[in-house]
Each structure stands twice: as C-alpha cells, then as structure tokens.
C-alpha atoms as a PDB file:
ATOM      1  CA  UNK A   1      20.027  77.408 -28.360  1.00  0.00           C
ATOM      2  CA  UNK A   2      22.149  76.745 -25.283  1.00  0.00           C
ATOM      3  CA  UNK A   3      25.887  76.552 -26.022  1.00  0.00           C
ATOM      4  CA  UNK A   4      27.944  74.245 -23.809  1.00  0.00           C
ATOM      5  CA  UNK A   5      31.734  74.596 -23.699  1.00  0.00           C
ATOM      6  CA  UNK A   6      34.208  72.028 -25.037  1.00  0.00           C
ATOM      7  CA  UNK A   7      33.795  70.011 -21.827  1.00  0.00           C
ATOM      8  CA  UNK A   8      30.028  69.984 -22.223  1.00  0.00           C
ATOM      9  CA  UNK A   9      29.542  72.441 -19.362  1.00  0.00           C
ATOM     10  CA  UNK A  10      27.647  75.687 -18.852  1.00  0.00           C
ATOM     11  CA  UNK A  11      28.257  78.256 -16.053  1.00  0.00           C
ATOM     12  CA  UNK A  12      25.140  78.826 -13.960  1.00  0.00           C
ATOM     13  CA  UNK A  13      24.721  81.857 -11.695  1.00  0.00           C
ATOM     14  CA  UNK A  14      22.182  81.212  -8.947  1.00  0.00           C
ATOM     15  CA  UNK A  15      20.246  84.249  -7.753  1.00  0.00           C
ATOM     16  CA  UNK A  16      17.761  84.582  -4.887  1.00  0.00           C
ATOM     17  CA  UNK A  17      14.412  85.042  -6.642  1.00  0.00           C
ATOM     18  CA  UNK A  18      13.071  87.242  -3.841  1.00  0.00           C
ATOM     19  CA  UNK A  19      16.038  89.512  -3.056  1.00  0.00           C
ATOM     20  CA  UNK A  20      18.174  89.388  -6.206  1.00  0.00           C
ATOM     21  CA  UNK A  21      21.240  88.349  -4.178  1.00  0.00           C
ATOM     22  CA  UNK A  22      23.745  86.197  -6.063  1.00  0.00           C
ATOM     23  CA  UNK A  23      23.987  82.945  -4.121  1.00  0.00           C
ATOM     24  CA  UNK A  24      26.557  80.860  -5.958  1.00  0.00           C
ATOM     25  CA  UNK A  25      28.186  80.007  -9.273  1.00  0.00           C
ATOM     26  CA  UNK A  26      28.438  76.417 -10.441  1.00  0.00           C
ATOM     27  CA  UNK A  27      28.350  74.399 -13.651  1.00  0.00           C
ATOM     28  CA  UNK A  28      25.735  72.295 -15.398  1.00  0.00           C
ATOM     29  CA  UNK A  29      26.007  69.727 -18.127  1.00  0.00           C
ATOM     30  CA  UNK A  30      23.068  68.964 -20.419  1.00  0.00           C
ATOM     31  CA  UNK A  31      21.532  66.477 -17.997  1.00  0.00           C
ATOM     32  CA  UNK A  32      21.830  68.836 -14.998  1.00  0.00           C
ATOM     33  CA  UNK A  33      20.175  71.615 -16.988  1.00  0.00           C
ATOM     34  CA  UNK A  34      17.372  69.289 -18.074  1.00  0.00           C
ATOM     35  CA  UNK A  35      16.717  68.217 -14.487  1.00  0.00           C
ATOM     36  CA  UNK A  36      16.803  71.843 -13.346  1.00  0.00           C
ATOM     37  CA  UNK A  37      14.293  72.860 -15.992  1.00  0.00           C
ATOM     38  CA  UNK A  38      12.031  69.974 -14.971  1.00  0.00           C
ATOM     39  CA  UNK A  39      12.285  71.146 -11.352  1.00  0.00           C
ATOM     40  CA  UNK A  40      11.612  71.565  -8.586  1.00  0.00           C
ATOM     41  CA  UNK A  41      15.286  71.739  -7.549  1.00  0.00           C
ATOM     42  CA  UNK A  42      18.541  72.999  -9.035  1.00  0.00           C
ATOM     43  CA  UNK A  43      21.029  70.389 -10.232  1.00  0.00           C
ATOM     44  CA  UNK A  44      24.701  70.908 -11.035  1.00  0.00           C
ATOM     45  CA  UNK A  45      27.541  68.920 -12.532  1.00  0.00           C
ATOM     46  CA  UNK A  46      30.442  68.369 -10.123  1.00  0.00           C
ATOM     47  CA  UNK A  47      33.677  68.785 -12.046  1.00  0.00           C
ATOM     48  CA  UNK A  48      35.725  67.211  -9.255  1.00  0.00           C
ATOM     49  CA  UNK A  49      33.541  64.113  -8.901  1.00  0.00           C
ATOM     50  CA  UNK A  50      32.676  63.923 -12.575  1.00  0.00           C
ATOM     51  CA  UNK A  51      29.014  63.336 -11.778  1.00  0.00           C
ATOM     52  CA  UNK A  52      25.627  64.986 -11.367  1.00  0.00           C
ATOM     53  CA  UNK A  53      25.045  66.886  -8.125  1.00  0.00           C
ATOM     54  CA  UNK A  54      21.572  67.402  -6.685  1.00  0.00           C
ATOM     55  CA  UNK A  55      22.142  70.588  -4.677  1.00  0.00           C
ATOM     56  CA  UNK A  56      20.893  70.041  -1.109  1.00  0.00           C
ATOM     57  CA  UNK A  57      20.597  66.258  -1.298  1.00  0.00           C
ATOM     58  CA  UNK A  58      23.127  65.838   1.513  1.00  0.00           C
ATOM     59  CA  UNK A  59      22.794  69.135   3.406  1.00  0.00           C
ATOM     60  CA  UNK A  60      19.069  69.727   2.979  1.00  0.00           C
ATOM     61  CA  UNK A  61      19.877  73.200   1.594  1.00  0.00           C
ATOM     62  CA  UNK A  62      17.934  72.873  -1.639  1.00  0.00           C
ATOM     63  CA  UNK A  63      17.486  75.552  -4.286  1.00  0.00           C
ATOM     64  CA  UNK A  64      13.911  75.673  -5.595  1.00  0.00           C
ATOM     65  CA  UNK A  65      13.773  76.758  -9.242  1.00  0.00           C
ATOM     66  CA  UNK A  66      11.643  79.792 -10.040  1.00  0.00           C
ATOM     67  CA  UNK A  67      13.042  81.000 -13.397  1.00  0.00           C
ATOM     68  CA  UNK A  68      15.901  80.187 -15.789  1.00  0.00           C
ATOM     69  CA  UNK A  69      17.354  82.903 -18.048  1.00  0.00           C
ATOM     70  CA  UNK A  70      19.858  82.481 -20.887  1.00  0.00           C
ATOM     71  CA  UNK A  71      22.395  85.228 -21.584  1.00  0.00           C
ATOM     72  CA  UNK A  72      22.699  87.007 -24.953  1.00  0.00           C
ATOM     73  CA  UNK A  73      25.633  84.845 -26.095  1.00  0.00           C
ATOM     74  CA  UNK A  74      23.716  81.700 -25.104  1.00  0.00           C
ATOM     75  CA  UNK A  75      26.680  80.331 -23.149  1.00  0.00           C
ATOM     76  CA  UNK A  76      25.676  81.064 -19.530  1.00  0.00           C
ATOM     77  CA  UNK A  77      22.478  81.060 -17.505  1.00  0.00           C
ATOM     78  CA  UNK A  78      20.989  82.713 -14.453  1.00  0.00           C
ATOM     79  CA  UNK A  79      18.731  80.583 -12.293  1.00  0.00           C
ATOM     80  CA  UNK A  80      16.394  82.513 -10.022  1.00  0.00           C
ATOM     81  CA  UNK A  81      15.690  80.230  -7.098  1.00  0.00           C
ATOM     82  CA  UNK A  82      14.204  80.104  -3.637  1.00  0.00           C
ATOM     83  CA  UNK A  83      16.931  78.926  -1.235  1.00  0.00           C
ATOM     84  CA  UNK A  84      16.026  76.450   1.489  1.00  0.00           C
ATOM     85  CA  UNK A  85      18.842  77.186   3.916  1.00  0.00           C
ATOM     86  CA  UNK A  86      22.272  78.675   3.176  1.00  0.00           C
ATOM     87  CA  UNK A  87      23.586  78.252  -0.349  1.00  0.00           C
ATOM     88  CA  UNK A  88      27.265  78.072   0.655  1.00  0.00           C
ATOM     89  CA  UNK A  89      28.884  74.977   2.199  1.00  0.00           C
ATOM     90  CA  UNK A  90      30.434  77.262   4.835  1.00  0.00           C
ATOM     91  CA  UNK A  91      26.979  78.043   6.203  1.00  0.00           C
ATOM     92  CA  UNK A  92      26.917  81.529   4.695  1.00  0.00           C
ATOM     93  CA  UNK A  93      23.785  82.663   2.903  1.00  0.00           C
ATOM     94  CA  UNK A  94      25.810  83.280  -0.275  1.00  0.00           C
ATOM     95  CA  UNK A  95      29.125  81.935  -1.535  1.00  0.00           C
ATOM     96  CA  UNK A  96      30.020  85.555  -2.342  1.00  0.00           C
ATOM     97  CA  UNK A  97      30.647  86.917   1.144  1.00  0.00           C
ATOM     98  CA  UNK A  98      34.317  87.954   1.202  1.00  0.00           C
ATOM     99  CA  UNK A  99      34.881  91.665   0.394  1.00  0.00           C
ATOM    100  CA  UNK A 100      37.664  92.569  -2.026  1.00  0.00           C
ATOM    101  CA  UNK A 101      38.461  96.063  -0.818  1.00  0.00           C
ATOM    102  CA  UNK A 102      41.207  97.366  -3.080  1.00  0.00           C
ATOM    103  CA  UNK A 103      43.793  96.523  -5.740  1.00  0.00           C
ATOM    104  CA  UNK A 104      46.250  95.200  -3.154  1.00  0.00           C
ATOM    105  CA  UNK A 105      44.250  91.980  -3.300  1.00  0.00           C
ATOM    106  CA  UNK A 106      45.689  91.469  -6.781  1.00  0.00           C
ATOM    107  CA  UNK A 107      49.297  91.795  -5.659  1.00  0.00           C
ATOM    108  CA  UNK A 108      49.658  88.380  -4.077  1.00  0.00           C
ATOM    109  CA  UNK A 109      46.572  86.305  -4.816  1.00  0.00           C
ATOM    110  CA  UNK A 110      45.807  83.340  -2.602  1.00  0.00           C
ATOM    111  CA  UNK A 111      45.861  79.954  -4.220  1.00  0.00           C
ATOM    112  CA  UNK A 112      42.494  78.355  -4.919  1.00  0.00           C
ATOM    113  CA  UNK A 113      41.543  75.780  -2.319  1.00  0.00           C
ATOM    114  CA  UNK A 114      40.552  73.163  -4.858  1.00  0.00           C
ATOM    115  CA  UNK A 115      39.772  73.914  -8.481  1.00  0.00           C
ATOM    116  CA  UNK A 116      42.895  74.747 -10.392  1.00  0.00           C
ATOM    117  CA  UNK A 117      45.407  72.232 -11.581  1.00  0.00           C
ATOM    118  CA  UNK A 118      44.530  69.753  -8.804  1.00  0.00           C
ATOM    119  CA  UNK A 119      40.830  70.068  -9.579  1.00  0.00           C
ATOM    120  CA  UNK A 120      41.489  69.477 -13.271  1.00  0.00           C
ATOM    121  CA  UNK A 121      43.668  66.471 -12.410  1.00  0.00           C
ATOM    122  CA  UNK A 122      40.914  65.083 -10.148  1.00  0.00           C
ATOM    123  CA  UNK A 123      38.447  65.416 -13.053  1.00  0.00           C
ATOM    124  CA  UNK A 124      40.767  63.510 -15.382  1.00  0.00           C
ATOM    125  CA  UNK A 125      41.323  60.763 -12.808  1.00  0.00           C
ATOM    126  CA  UNK A 126      37.577  60.372 -12.308  1.00  0.00           C
ATOM    127  CA  UNK A 127      37.011  60.167 -16.058  1.00  0.00           C
ATOM    128  CA  UNK A 128      39.662  57.435 -16.328  1.00  0.00           C
ATOM    129  CA  UNK A 129      37.791  55.457 -13.685  1.00  0.00           C
ATOM    130  CA  UNK A 130      34.413  55.857 -15.397  1.00  0.00           C
ATOM    131  CA  UNK A 131      35.668  55.185 -18.933  1.00  0.00           C
ATOM    132  CA  UNK A 132      39.116  53.524 -18.861  1.00  0.00           C
ATOM    133  CA  UNK A 133      41.067  54.275 -22.050  1.00  0.00           C
ATOM    134  CA  UNK A 134      43.416  51.607 -23.395  1.00  0.00           C
ATOM    135  CA  UNK A 135      46.960  51.905 -22.070  1.00  0.00           C
ATOM    136  CA  UNK A 136      46.055  54.386 -19.322  1.00  0.00           C
ATOM    137  CA  UNK A 137      48.283  54.169 -16.235  1.00  0.00           C
ATOM    138  CA  UNK A 138      45.452  55.561 -14.113  1.00  0.00           C
ATOM    139  CA  UNK A 139      43.024  52.939 -15.396  1.00  0.00           C
ATOM    140  CA  UNK A 140      45.594  50.242 -14.624  1.00  0.00           C
ATOM    141  CA  UNK A 141      45.862  51.500 -11.041  1.00  0.00           C
ATOM    142  CA  UNK A 142      42.087  51.263 -10.627  1.00  0.00           C
ATOM    143  CA  UNK A 143      42.213  47.693 -11.942  1.00  0.00           C
ATOM    144  CA  UNK A 144      44.885  46.786  -9.371  1.00  0.00           C
ATOM    145  CA  UNK A 145      42.705  48.039  -6.547  1.00  0.00           C
ATOM    146  CA  UNK A 146      42.994  50.062  -3.352  1.00  0.00           C
ATOM    147  CA  UNK A 147      45.853  48.067  -1.715  1.00  0.00           C
ATOM    148  CA  UNK A 148      48.167  48.705  -4.682  1.00  0.00           C
ATOM    149  CA  UNK A 149      47.185  52.376  -4.914  1.00  0.00           C
ATOM    150  CA  UNK A 150      47.756  52.818  -1.175  1.00  0.00           C
ATOM    151  CA  UNK A 151      51.182  51.215  -1.571  1.00  0.00           C
ATOM    152  CA  UNK A 152      52.003  53.671  -4.365  1.00  0.00           C
ATOM    153  CA  UNK A 153      51.032  56.617  -2.144  1.00  0.00           C
ATOM    154  CA  UNK A 154      53.479  55.379   0.505  1.00  0.00           C
ATOM    155  CA  UNK A 155      56.215  54.848  -2.095  1.00  0.00           C
ATOM    156  CA  UNK A 156      55.794  58.266  -3.697  1.00  0.00           C
ATOM    157  CA  UNK A 157      55.640  60.070  -0.343  1.00  0.00           C
ATOM    158  CA  UNK A 158      58.872  58.336   0.635  1.00  0.00           C
ATOM    159  CA  UNK A 159      60.545  59.356  -2.618  1.00  0.00           C
ATOM    160  CA  UNK A 160      59.476  62.966  -2.037  1.00  0.00           C
ATOM    161  CA  UNK A 161      60.983  62.860   1.451  1.00  0.00           C
ATOM    162  CA  UNK A 162      64.250  61.437   0.096  1.00  0.00           C
ATOM    163  CA  UNK A 163      64.358  64.066  -2.658  1.00  0.00           C
ATOM    164  CA  UNK A 164      64.015  66.820  -0.045  1.00  0.00           C
ATOM    165  CA  UNK A 165      67.203  65.575   1.630  1.00  0.00           C
ATOM    166  CA  UNK A 166      69.282  64.826  -1.445  1.00  0.00           C
ATOM    167  CA  UNK A 167      68.477  67.061  -4.413  1.00  0.00           C
ATOM    168  CA  UNK A 168      65.360  69.168  -3.730  1.00  0.00           C
ATOM    169  CA  UNK A 169      65.910  71.687  -6.518  1.00  0.00           C
ATOM    170  CA  UNK A 170      65.975  68.949  -9.128  1.00  0.00           C
ATOM    171  CA  UNK A 171      63.442  66.368  -8.016  1.00  0.00           C
ATOM    172  CA  UNK A 172      61.311  67.444  -5.044  1.00  0.00           C
ATOM    173  CA  UNK A 173      58.556  69.097  -7.106  1.00  0.00           C
ATOM    174  CA  UNK A 174      58.397  66.085  -9.427  1.00  0.00           C
ATOM    175  CA  UNK A 175      58.205  63.559  -6.589  1.00  0.00           C
ATOM    176  CA  UNK A 176      55.654  65.647  -4.689  1.00  0.00           C
ATOM    177  CA  UNK A 177      53.516  65.830  -7.831  1.00  0.00           C
ATOM    178  CA  UNK A 178      53.632  62.012  -8.013  1.00  0.00           C
ATOM    179  CA  UNK A 179      52.507  61.816  -4.388  1.00  0.00           C
ATOM    180  CA  UNK A 180      49.624  64.245  -4.985  1.00  0.00           C
ATOM    181  CA  UNK A 181      48.523  62.356  -8.088  1.00  0.00           C
ATOM    182  CA  UNK A 182      48.469  58.961  -6.390  1.00  0.00           C
ATOM    183  CA  UNK A 183      46.669  60.423  -3.358  1.00  0.00           C
ATOM    184  CA  UNK A 184      43.925  61.742  -5.665  1.00  0.00           C
ATOM    185  CA  UNK A 185      43.658  58.321  -7.314  1.00  0.00           C
ATOM    186  CA  UNK A 186      43.313  56.760  -3.845  1.00  0.00           C
ATOM    187  CA  UNK A 187      40.487  59.154  -2.937  1.00  0.00           C
ATOM    188  CA  UNK A 188      38.652  58.256  -6.136  1.00  0.00           C
ATOM    189  CA  UNK A 189      39.225  54.522  -5.728  1.00  0.00           C
ATOM    190  CA  UNK A 190      37.809  54.556  -2.204  1.00  0.00           C
ATOM    191  CA  UNK A 191      34.802  56.675  -3.187  1.00  0.00           C
ATOM    192  CA  UNK A 192      35.779  59.677  -1.064  1.00  0.00           C
ATOM    193  CA  UNK A 193      34.699  62.877  -2.903  1.00  0.00           C
ATOM    194  CA  UNK A 194      37.629  65.169  -3.612  1.00  0.00           C
ATOM    195  CA  UNK A 195      35.534  68.024  -2.163  1.00  0.00           C
ATOM    196  CA  UNK A 196      36.219  66.499   1.243  1.00  0.00           C
ATOM    197  CA  UNK A 197      39.915  67.145   0.669  1.00  0.00           C
ATOM    198  CA  UNK A 198      39.261  70.752  -0.334  1.00  0.00           C
ATOM    199  CA  UNK A 199      37.151  71.224   2.822  1.00  0.00           C
ATOM    200  CA  UNK A 200      39.867  69.773   5.055  1.00  0.00           C
ATOM    201  CA  UNK A 201      42.503  72.022   3.510  1.00  0.00           C
ATOM    202  CA  UNK A 202      40.204  75.018   3.966  1.00  0.00           C
ATOM    203  CA  UNK A 203      39.777  74.165   7.675  1.00  0.00           C
ATOM    204  CA  UNK A 204      43.532  74.022   8.169  1.00  0.00           C
ATOM    205  CA  UNK A 205      43.998  77.317   6.405  1.00  0.00           C
ATOM    206  CA  UNK A 206      41.988  78.906   9.220  1.00  0.00           C
END
C-alpha cells in the first residue's frame, strides 16, 4: 500500500525508461498518482501552486509513463517514462545536471531558489485561498481583493525601507518578511504562479 506523508504527498523519481537516466524529482498526491497510473502521461502535485500539474501541458515536454515502481518502504516511487523533450525547465535533458565535485560544496551552500521557507509560505497562502479558515488574515486579504493587497505591498515595502534607515538591526528583517509575505499573496490573488517568481530570481542569479 502506498504511504503518503502528512501533507498527502509522495516523492516521485522520474527515470528515462530507455537509458536509465534520472530526469527529475517531484511530488504526487493521490490524484496525481491515479492519473499517472491511468496514463499516458506523468502528473505531479505542485506544492507552490497547491494544485495538480500535468507535466508538459504548457511546454509540450510530456513524460510518457512506461512503468511505476514502489520502494520497499512504500513511501516513494520511481516512474520509468519516455520523455518528449527535455525534462528540466531550463532546457536540460535532466534536472540533475550540475556536478558536485567535492566537499567544499558543503561549506557554504547556496540558498534554494524557491522551495524552502518561501515555498512553504506560498503553499500555505494558496491553501488559505482555496479553503479560507475562519479568522485568517490571509483569507481576509483575498476577500478584500487585489487593490487592497497591492496597497499592502506598497505599505510594507515602505516600512522596510524606513526600518533600514532607522533601526535595521531591530526591525528590518521583520518588515522585509511582511513585504515578502504580502507580495506572495499578491501573486496568488492575481493568478500568477509562484514558479514564475522562482524563474525570474534564477535568471537574475546568472
């Protein structure tokens, strides 16, 4: 029996059925796994959007299911698939294309471009939009609409700027966190996938 984690998710390693190359790692919920098993394509669950993700629907780079294998602990799967185009959003054949050459890579690790605390926060924001809990500040923002959320982004960015000039050690991190939070709410409210933010930040890193 397949064991999903406490978020209802299951890690899925995607492997090229012909070559054995590992193409990507993503997550599935029960519905994504069901759709994958029904075929012909691989489906995932996007943690940032909080929704199902038909791999290749936008890019045309589908993954055609050939075999699904469950690991011995029943909490992860390998999907052997036939890739139609590159599996990675960067255009690389595989998401795993950056060599880690020695232990110096562990000395000062680079920060993740998306998933991490901001990715978790984006997931929570999306869940508040889909199922608003009583008394939720985030749900209240969604009710007030895009103009109010946009106003809050301006307000919080201004407060962060003021904090940087007055008492940065005490309040700058707090005010910047408020600005980040409201910016993520604005993305969600306008229907812009948070992955677009991660992609933009990745471009600027280069």
